[in-house]
């Protein structure tokens, strides 16, 4: 379970960083897939993919909520 939690935390933080950097450079959204990360960091394949997919879905929801109502929902945090 510790490995799964660590991988989920890594994916959340990495996707958040990549999206922030991309937005600052281009002022546009980026579509990041989990497969891209699994190719680069092979150890992500060692945990259940559904858990990592849930992280990706939660990140997308956090950004949707933020852009819909930034006064109520803060920018997603690490």
PDB file of N, CA and C in Angstrom:
ATOM      1  N   UNK A   1       0.822  -1.192   0.000  1.00  0.00           N
ATOM      2  CA  UNK A   1       0.000   0.000   0.000  1.00  0.00           C
ATOM      3  C   UNK A   1       0.867   1.257   0.000  1.00  0.00           C
ATOM      4  N   UNK A   2       1.983   1.205   0.700  1.00  0.00           N
ATOM      5  CA  UNK A   2       2.870   2.373   0.730  1.00  0.00           C
ATOM      6  C   UNK A   2       3.374   2.727  -0.666  1.00  0.00           C
ATOM      7  N   UNK A   3       3.685   1.694  -1.451  1.00  0.00           N
ATOM      8  CA  UNK A   3       4.159   1.938  -2.804  1.00  0.00           C
ATOM      9  C   UNK A   3       3.056   2.585  -3.643  1.00  0.00           C
ATOM     10  N   UNK A   4       1.829   2.113  -3.497  1.00  0.00           N
ATOM     11  CA  UNK A   4       0.709   2.686  -4.241  1.00  0.00           C
ATOM     12  C   UNK A   4       0.487   4.135  -3.846  1.00  0.00           C
ATOM     13  N   UNK A   5       0.493   4.419  -2.540  1.00  0.00           N
ATOM     14  CA  UNK A   5       0.318   5.800  -2.084  1.00  0.00           C
ATOM     15  C   UNK A   5       1.432   6.698  -2.617  1.00  0.00           C
ATOM     16  N   UNK A   6       2.650   6.209  -2.585  1.00  0.00           N
ATOM     17  CA  UNK A   6       3.772   6.991  -3.087  1.00  0.00           C
ATOM     18  C   UNK A   6       3.661   7.271  -4.580  1.00  0.00           C
ATOM     19  N   UNK A   7       3.255   6.266  -5.348  1.00  0.00           N
ATOM     20  CA  UNK A   7       3.093   6.461  -6.789  1.00  0.00           C
ATOM     21  C   UNK A   7       1.953   7.429  -7.087  1.00  0.00           C
ATOM     22  N   UNK A   8       0.864   7.328  -6.342  1.00  0.00           N
ATOM     23  CA  UNK A   8      -0.262   8.249  -6.535  1.00  0.00           C
ATOM     24  C   UNK A   8       0.160   9.685  -6.220  1.00  0.00           C
ATOM     25  N   UNK A   9       0.893   9.860  -5.155  1.00  0.00           N
ATOM     26  CA  UNK A   9       1.380  11.190  -4.782  1.00  0.00           C
ATOM     27  C   UNK A   9       2.323  11.730  -5.864  1.00  0.00           C
ATOM     28  N   UNK A  10       3.200  10.865  -6.372  1.00  0.00           N
ATOM     29  CA  UNK A  10       4.123  11.281  -7.420  1.00  0.00           C
ATOM     30  C   UNK A  10       3.366  11.708  -8.682  1.00  0.00           C
ATOM     31  N   UNK A  11       2.384  10.906  -9.098  1.00  0.00           N
ATOM     32  CA  UNK A  11       1.631  11.218 -10.313  1.00  0.00           C
ATOM     33  C   UNK A  11       0.876  12.528 -10.143  1.00  0.00           C
ATOM     34  N   UNK A  12       0.224  12.725  -8.997  1.00  0.00           N
ATOM     35  CA  UNK A  12      -0.503  13.981  -8.756  1.00  0.00           C
ATOM     36  C   UNK A  12       0.439  15.182  -8.866  1.00  0.00           C
ATOM     37  N   UNK A  13       1.543  15.121  -8.143  1.00  0.00           N
ATOM     38  CA  UNK A  13       2.478  16.245  -8.119  1.00  0.00           C
ATOM     39  C   UNK A  13       3.114  16.480  -9.486  1.00  0.00           C
ATOM     40  N   UNK A  14       3.474  15.421 -10.184  1.00  0.00           N
ATOM     41  CA  UNK A  14       4.117  15.564 -11.487  1.00  0.00           C
ATOM     42  C   UNK A  14       3.143  16.128 -12.519  1.00  0.00           C
ATOM     43  N   UNK A  15       1.910  15.620 -12.521  1.00  0.00           N
ATOM     44  CA  UNK A  15       0.910  16.136 -13.463  1.00  0.00           C
ATOM     45  C   UNK A  15       0.585  17.597 -13.164  1.00  0.00           C
ATOM     46  N   UNK A  16       0.524  17.937 -11.904  1.00  0.00           N
ATOM     47  CA  UNK A  16       0.259  19.324 -11.523  1.00  0.00           C
ATOM     48  C   UNK A  16       1.401  20.234 -11.981  1.00  0.00           C
ATOM     49  N   UNK A  17       2.624  19.803 -11.772  1.00  0.00           N
ATOM     50  CA  UNK A  17       3.786  20.588 -12.206  1.00  0.00           C
ATOM     51  C   UNK A  17       3.808  20.749 -13.717  1.00  0.00           C
ATOM     52  N   UNK A  18       3.604  19.654 -14.443  1.00  0.00           N
ATOM     53  CA  UNK A  18       3.639  19.717 -15.901  1.00  0.00           C
ATOM     54  C   UNK A  18       2.542  20.618 -16.442  1.00  0.00           C
ATOM     55  N   UNK A  19       1.371  20.540 -15.852  1.00  0.00           N
ATOM     56  CA  UNK A  19       0.274  21.377 -16.329  1.00  0.00           C
ATOM     57  C   UNK A  19       0.535  22.853 -16.025  1.00  0.00           C
ATOM     58  N   UNK A  20       1.067  23.153 -14.863  1.00  0.00           N
ATOM     59  CA  UNK A  20       1.373  24.547 -14.511  1.00  0.00           C
ATOM     60  C   UNK A  20       2.424  25.134 -15.443  1.00  0.00           C
ATOM     61  N   UNK A  21       3.481  24.389 -15.686  1.00  0.00           N
ATOM     62  CA  UNK A  21       4.540  24.871 -16.570  1.00  0.00           C
ATOM     63  C   UNK A  21       4.009  25.079 -17.983  1.00  0.00           C
ATOM     64  N   UNK A  22       3.261  24.116 -18.484  1.00  0.00           N
ATOM     65  CA  UNK A  22       2.704  24.226 -19.838  1.00  0.00           C
ATOM     66  C   UNK A  22       1.781  25.445 -19.937  1.00  0.00           C
ATOM     67  N   UNK A  23       0.960  25.662 -18.927  1.00  0.00           N
ATOM     68  CA  UNK A  23       0.042  26.797 -18.957  1.00  0.00           C
ATOM     69  C   UNK A  23       0.794  28.128 -18.917  1.00  0.00           C
ATOM     70  N   UNK A  24       1.836  28.207 -18.111  1.00  0.00           N
ATOM     71  CA  UNK A  24       2.615  29.441 -18.032  1.00  0.00           C
ATOM     72  C   UNK A  24       3.306  29.766 -19.354  1.00  0.00           C
ATOM     73  N   UNK A  25       3.716  28.740 -20.071  1.00  0.00           N
ATOM     74  CA  UNK A  25       4.406  28.956 -21.341  1.00  0.00           C
ATOM     75  C   UNK A  25       3.427  29.260 -22.466  1.00  0.00           C
ATOM     76  N   UNK A  26       2.343  28.494 -22.560  1.00  0.00           N
ATOM     77  CA  UNK A  26       1.468  28.573 -23.732  1.00  0.00           C
ATOM     78  C   UNK A  26       0.121  29.223 -23.471  1.00  0.00           C
ATOM     79  N   UNK A  27      -0.258  29.365 -22.201  1.00  0.00           N
ATOM     80  CA  UNK A  27      -1.602  29.834 -21.834  1.00  0.00           C
ATOM     81  C   UNK A  27      -2.697  28.934 -22.410  1.00  0.00           C
ATOM     82  N   UNK A  28      -2.380  27.652 -22.532  1.00  0.00           N
ATOM     83  CA  UNK A  28      -3.311  26.669 -23.058  1.00  0.00           C
ATOM     84  C   UNK A  28      -3.269  25.436 -22.167  1.00  0.00           C
ATOM     85  N   UNK A  29      -4.272  24.593 -22.297  1.00  0.00           N
ATOM     86  CA  UNK A  29      -4.341  23.365 -21.518  1.00  0.00           C
ATOM     87  C   UNK A  29      -3.533  22.271 -22.205  1.00  0.00           C
ATOM     88  N   UNK A  30      -3.119  21.298 -21.441  1.00  0.00           N
ATOM     89  CA  UNK A  30      -2.359  20.168 -21.969  1.00  0.00           C
ATOM     90  C   UNK A  30      -3.064  18.888 -21.556  1.00  0.00           C
ATOM     91  N   UNK A  31      -3.080  17.923 -22.443  1.00  0.00           N
ATOM     92  CA  UNK A  31      -3.644  16.622 -22.143  1.00  0.00           C
ATOM     93  C   UNK A  31      -2.504  15.668 -21.803  1.00  0.00           C
ATOM     94  N   UNK A  32      -2.402  15.342 -20.553  1.00  0.00           N
ATOM     95  CA  UNK A  32      -1.355  14.450 -20.076  1.00  0.00           C
ATOM     96  C   UNK A  32      -1.988  13.089 -19.828  1.00  0.00           C
ATOM     97  N   UNK A  33      -1.346  12.042 -20.320  1.00  0.00           N
ATOM     98  CA  UNK A  33      -1.876  10.707 -20.086  1.00  0.00           C
ATOM     99  C   UNK A  33      -0.937   9.941 -19.165  1.00  0.00           C
ATOM    100  N   UNK A  34      -1.518   9.017 -18.489  1.00  0.00           N
ATOM    101  CA  UNK A  34      -0.750   8.181 -17.578  1.00  0.00           C
ATOM    102  C   UNK A  34       0.256   7.325 -18.339  1.00  0.00           C
ATOM    103  N   UNK A  35      -0.086   6.944 -19.554  1.00  0.00           N
ATOM    104  CA  UNK A  35       0.818   6.121 -20.363  1.00  0.00           C
ATOM    105  C   UNK A  35       2.132   6.851 -20.623  1.00  0.00           C
ATOM    106  N   UNK A  36       2.072   8.161 -20.781  1.00  0.00           N
ATOM    107  CA  UNK A  36       3.292   8.934 -20.993  1.00  0.00           C
ATOM    108  C   UNK A  36       4.223   8.827 -19.787  1.00  0.00           C
ATOM    109  N   UNK A  37       3.644   8.838 -18.607  1.00  0.00           N
ATOM    110  CA  UNK A  37       4.456   8.733 -17.400  1.00  0.00           C
ATOM    111  C   UNK A  37       4.979   7.316 -17.201  1.00  0.00           C
ATOM    112  N   UNK A  38       4.167   6.323 -17.533  1.00  0.00           N
ATOM    113  CA  UNK A  38       4.609   4.941 -17.363  1.00  0.00           C
ATOM    114  C   UNK A  38       5.754   4.597 -18.309  1.00  0.00           C
ATOM    115  N   UNK A  39       5.827   5.265 -19.455  1.00  0.00           N
ATOM    116  CA  UNK A  39       6.954   5.037 -20.357  1.00  0.00           C
ATOM    117  C   UNK A  39       8.236   5.621 -19.778  1.00  0.00           C
ATOM    118  N   UNK A  40       8.112   6.749 -19.108  1.00  0.00           N
ATOM    119  CA  UNK A  40       9.298   7.421 -18.571  1.00  0.00           C
ATOM    120  C   UNK A  40       9.731   6.847 -17.223  1.00  0.00           C
ATOM    121  N   UNK A  41       8.783   6.590 -16.365  1.00  0.00           N
ATOM    122  CA  UNK A  41       9.062   6.042 -15.038  1.00  0.00           C
ATOM    123  C   UNK A  41       8.462   4.641 -14.963  1.00  0.00           C
ATOM    124  N   UNK A  42       9.275   3.657 -15.259  1.00  0.00           N
ATOM    125  CA  UNK A  42       8.806   2.276 -15.371  1.00  0.00           C
ATOM    126  C   UNK A  42       8.265   1.720 -14.062  1.00  0.00           C
ATOM    127  N   UNK A  43       8.723   2.248 -12.948  1.00  0.00           N
ATOM    128  CA  UNK A  43       8.264   1.743 -11.658  1.00  0.00           C
ATOM    129  C   UNK A  43       6.794   2.059 -11.406  1.00  0.00           C
ATOM    130  N   UNK A  44       6.179   2.942 -12.184  1.00  0.00           N
ATOM    131  CA  UNK A  44       4.745   3.203 -12.039  1.00  0.00           C
ATOM    132  C   UNK A  44       3.910   2.010 -12.492  1.00  0.00           C
ATOM    133  N   UNK A  45       4.506   1.126 -13.279  1.00  0.00           N
ATOM    134  CA  UNK A  45       3.795  -0.068 -13.742  1.00  0.00           C
ATOM    135  C   UNK A  45       3.649  -1.106 -12.641  1.00  0.00           C
ATOM    136  N   UNK A  46       4.344  -0.937 -11.544  1.00  0.00           N
ATOM    137  CA  UNK A  46       4.324  -1.917 -10.463  1.00  0.00           C
ATOM    138  C   UNK A  46       3.074  -1.832  -9.596  1.00  0.00           C
ATOM    139  N   UNK A  47       2.324  -0.745  -9.703  1.00  0.00           N
ATOM    140  CA  UNK A  47       1.121  -0.585  -8.877  1.00  0.00           C
ATOM    141  C   UNK A  47      -0.114  -0.673  -9.769  1.00  0.00           C
ATOM    142  N   UNK A  48      -1.262  -0.780  -9.125  1.00  0.00           N
ATOM    143  CA  UNK A  48      -2.525  -0.894  -9.843  1.00  0.00           C
ATOM    144  C   UNK A  48      -2.792   0.366 -10.661  1.00  0.00           C
ATOM    145  N   UNK A  49      -3.046   0.177 -11.943  1.00  0.00           N
ATOM    146  CA  UNK A  49      -3.279   1.299 -12.839  1.00  0.00           C
ATOM    147  C   UNK A  49      -4.563   2.062 -12.539  1.00  0.00           C
ATOM    148  N   UNK A  50      -5.552   1.391 -11.973  1.00  0.00           N
ATOM    149  CA  UNK A  50      -6.818   2.063 -11.665  1.00  0.00           C
ATOM    150  C   UNK A  50      -6.633   3.122 -10.586  1.00  0.00           C
ATOM    151  N   UNK A  51      -5.766   2.858  -9.647  1.00  0.00           N
ATOM    152  CA  UNK A  51      -5.489   3.855  -8.609  1.00  0.00           C
ATOM    153  C   UNK A  51      -4.863   5.103  -9.218  1.00  0.00           C
ATOM    154  N   UNK A  52      -3.950   4.900 -10.150  1.00  0.00           N
ATOM    155  CA  UNK A  52      -3.306   6.032 -10.803  1.00  0.00           C
ATOM    156  C   UNK A  52      -4.281   6.770 -11.719  1.00  0.00           C
ATOM    157  N   UNK A  53      -5.198   6.029 -12.351  1.00  0.00           N
ATOM    158  CA  UNK A  53      -6.225   6.673 -13.186  1.00  0.00           C
ATOM    159  C   UNK A  53      -7.136   7.547 -12.333  1.00  0.00           C
ATOM    160  N   UNK A  54      -7.444   7.084 -11.130  1.00  0.00           N
ATOM    161  CA  UNK A  54      -8.274   7.891 -10.223  1.00  0.00           C
ATOM    162  C   UNK A  54      -7.572   9.203  -9.874  1.00  0.00           C
ATOM    163  N   UNK A  55      -6.265   9.158  -9.712  1.00  0.00           N
ATOM    164  CA  UNK A  55      -5.504  10.377  -9.433  1.00  0.00           C
ATOM    165  C   UNK A  55      -5.655  11.348 -10.598  1.00  0.00           C
ATOM    166  N   UNK A  56      -5.539  10.833 -11.808  1.00  0.00           N
ATOM    167  CA  UNK A  56      -5.662  11.678 -12.991  1.00  0.00           C
ATOM    168  C   UNK A  56      -7.069  12.289 -13.074  1.00  0.00           C
ATOM    169  N   UNK A  57      -8.097  11.498 -12.811  1.00  0.00           N
ATOM    170  CA  UNK A  57      -9.470  12.011 -12.841  1.00  0.00           C
ATOM    171  C   UNK A  57      -9.697  13.065 -11.759  1.00  0.00           C
ATOM    172  N   UNK A  58      -9.155  12.829 -10.579  1.00  0.00           N
ATOM    173  CA  UNK A  58      -9.299  13.808  -9.492  1.00  0.00           C
ATOM    174  C   UNK A  58      -8.588  15.118  -9.819  1.00  0.00           C
ATOM    175  N   UNK A  59      -7.447  15.031 -10.471  1.00  0.00           N
ATOM    176  CA  UNK A  59      -6.726  16.237 -10.879  1.00  0.00           C
ATOM    177  C   UNK A  59      -7.522  17.021 -11.903  1.00  0.00           C
ATOM    178  N   UNK A  60      -8.093  16.332 -12.867  1.00  0.00           N
ATOM    179  CA  UNK A  60      -8.910  17.007 -13.880  1.00  0.00           C
ATOM    180  C   UNK A  60     -10.121  17.685 -13.243  1.00  0.00           C
ATOM    181  N   UNK A  61     -10.748  17.010 -12.276  1.00  0.00           N
ATOM    182  CA  UNK A  61     -11.900  17.598 -11.594  1.00  0.00           C
ATOM    183  C   UNK A  61     -11.481  18.824 -10.780  1.00  0.00           C
ATOM    184  N   UNK A  62     -10.338  18.749 -10.154  1.00  0.00           N
ATOM    185  CA  UNK A  62      -9.853  19.888  -9.371  1.00  0.00           C
ATOM    186  C   UNK A  62      -9.632  21.105 -10.265  1.00  0.00           C
ATOM    187  N   UNK A  63      -9.089  20.900 -11.435  1.00  0.00           N
ATOM    188  CA  UNK A  63      -8.883  22.021 -12.355  1.00  0.00           C
ATOM    189  C   UNK A  63     -10.206  22.535 -12.912  1.00  0.00           C
ATOM    190  N   UNK A  64     -11.128  21.640 -13.238  1.00  0.00           N
ATOM    191  CA  UNK A  64     -12.458  22.073 -13.715  1.00  0.00           C
ATOM    192  C   UNK A  64     -13.148  22.923 -12.671  1.00  0.00           C
ATOM    193  N   UNK A  65     -13.122  22.471 -11.424  1.00  0.00           N
ATOM    194  CA  UNK A  65     -13.751  23.225 -10.341  1.00  0.00           C
ATOM    195  C   UNK A  65     -13.084  24.581 -10.164  1.00  0.00           C
ATOM    196  N   UNK A  66     -11.770  24.610 -10.231  1.00  0.00           N
ATOM    197  CA  UNK A  66     -11.044  25.866 -10.063  1.00  0.00           C
ATOM    198  C   UNK A  66     -11.411  26.863 -11.160  1.00  0.00           C
ATOM    199  N   UNK A  67     -11.412  26.427 -12.407  1.00  0.00           N
ATOM    200  CA  UNK A  67     -11.708  27.349 -13.498  1.00  0.00           C
ATOM    201  C   UNK A  67     -13.182  27.745 -13.531  1.00  0.00           C
ATOM    202  N   UNK A  68     -14.047  26.905 -13.006  1.00  0.00           N
ATOM    203  CA  UNK A  68     -15.473  27.227 -12.957  1.00  0.00           C
ATOM    204  C   UNK A  68     -15.765  28.278 -11.886  1.00  0.00           C
ATOM    205  N   UNK A  69     -15.103  28.157 -10.726  1.00  0.00           N
ATOM    206  CA  UNK A  69     -15.358  29.071  -9.627  1.00  0.00           C
ATOM    207  C   UNK A  69     -14.076  29.265  -8.813  1.00  0.00           C
ATOM    208  N   UNK A  70     -13.158  30.084  -9.307  1.00  0.00           N
ATOM    209  CA  UNK A  70     -11.862  30.222  -8.611  1.00  0.00           C
ATOM    210  C   UNK A  70     -11.973  30.869  -7.230  1.00  0.00           C
ATOM    211  N   UNK A  71     -13.046  31.625  -6.981  1.00  0.00           N
ATOM    212  CA  UNK A  71     -13.207  32.220  -5.670  1.00  0.00           C
ATOM    213  C   UNK A  71     -13.536  31.198  -4.588  1.00  0.00           C
ATOM    214  N   UNK A  72     -14.247  30.154  -4.983  1.00  0.00           N
ATOM    215  CA  UNK A  72     -14.653  29.129  -4.033  1.00  0.00           C
ATOM    216  C   UNK A  72     -13.618  27.994  -3.960  1.00  0.00           C
ATOM    217  N   UNK A  73     -13.175  27.542  -5.143  1.00  0.00           N
ATOM    218  CA  UNK A  73     -12.199  26.467  -5.197  1.00  0.00           C
ATOM    219  C   UNK A  73     -10.824  27.063  -5.443  1.00  0.00           C
ATOM    220  N   UNK A  74      -9.888  26.724  -4.645  1.00  0.00           N
ATOM    221  CA  UNK A  74      -8.529  27.221  -4.850  1.00  0.00           C
ATOM    222  C   UNK A  74      -7.808  26.440  -5.930  1.00  0.00           C
ATOM    223  N   UNK A  75      -6.669  26.959  -6.329  1.00  0.00           N
ATOM    224  CA  UNK A  75      -5.847  26.257  -7.322  1.00  0.00           C
ATOM    225  C   UNK A  75      -5.385  24.946  -6.689  1.00  0.00           C
ATOM    226  N   UNK A  76      -5.395  23.846  -7.459  1.00  0.00           N
ATOM    227  CA  UNK A  76      -4.961  22.565  -6.894  1.00  0.00           C
ATOM    228  C   UNK A  76      -3.563  22.661  -6.294  1.00  0.00           C
ATOM    229  N   UNK A  77      -3.414  22.008  -5.164  1.00  0.00           N
ATOM    230  CA  UNK A  77      -2.161  22.100  -4.404  1.00  0.00           C
ATOM    231  C   UNK A  77      -1.399  20.787  -4.461  1.00  0.00           C
ATOM    232  N   UNK A  78      -0.121  20.897  -4.170  1.00  0.00           N
ATOM    233  CA  UNK A  78       0.718  19.709  -4.107  1.00  0.00           C
ATOM    234  C   UNK A  78       0.393  18.916  -2.867  1.00  0.00           C
TER     235      UNK A  78
END
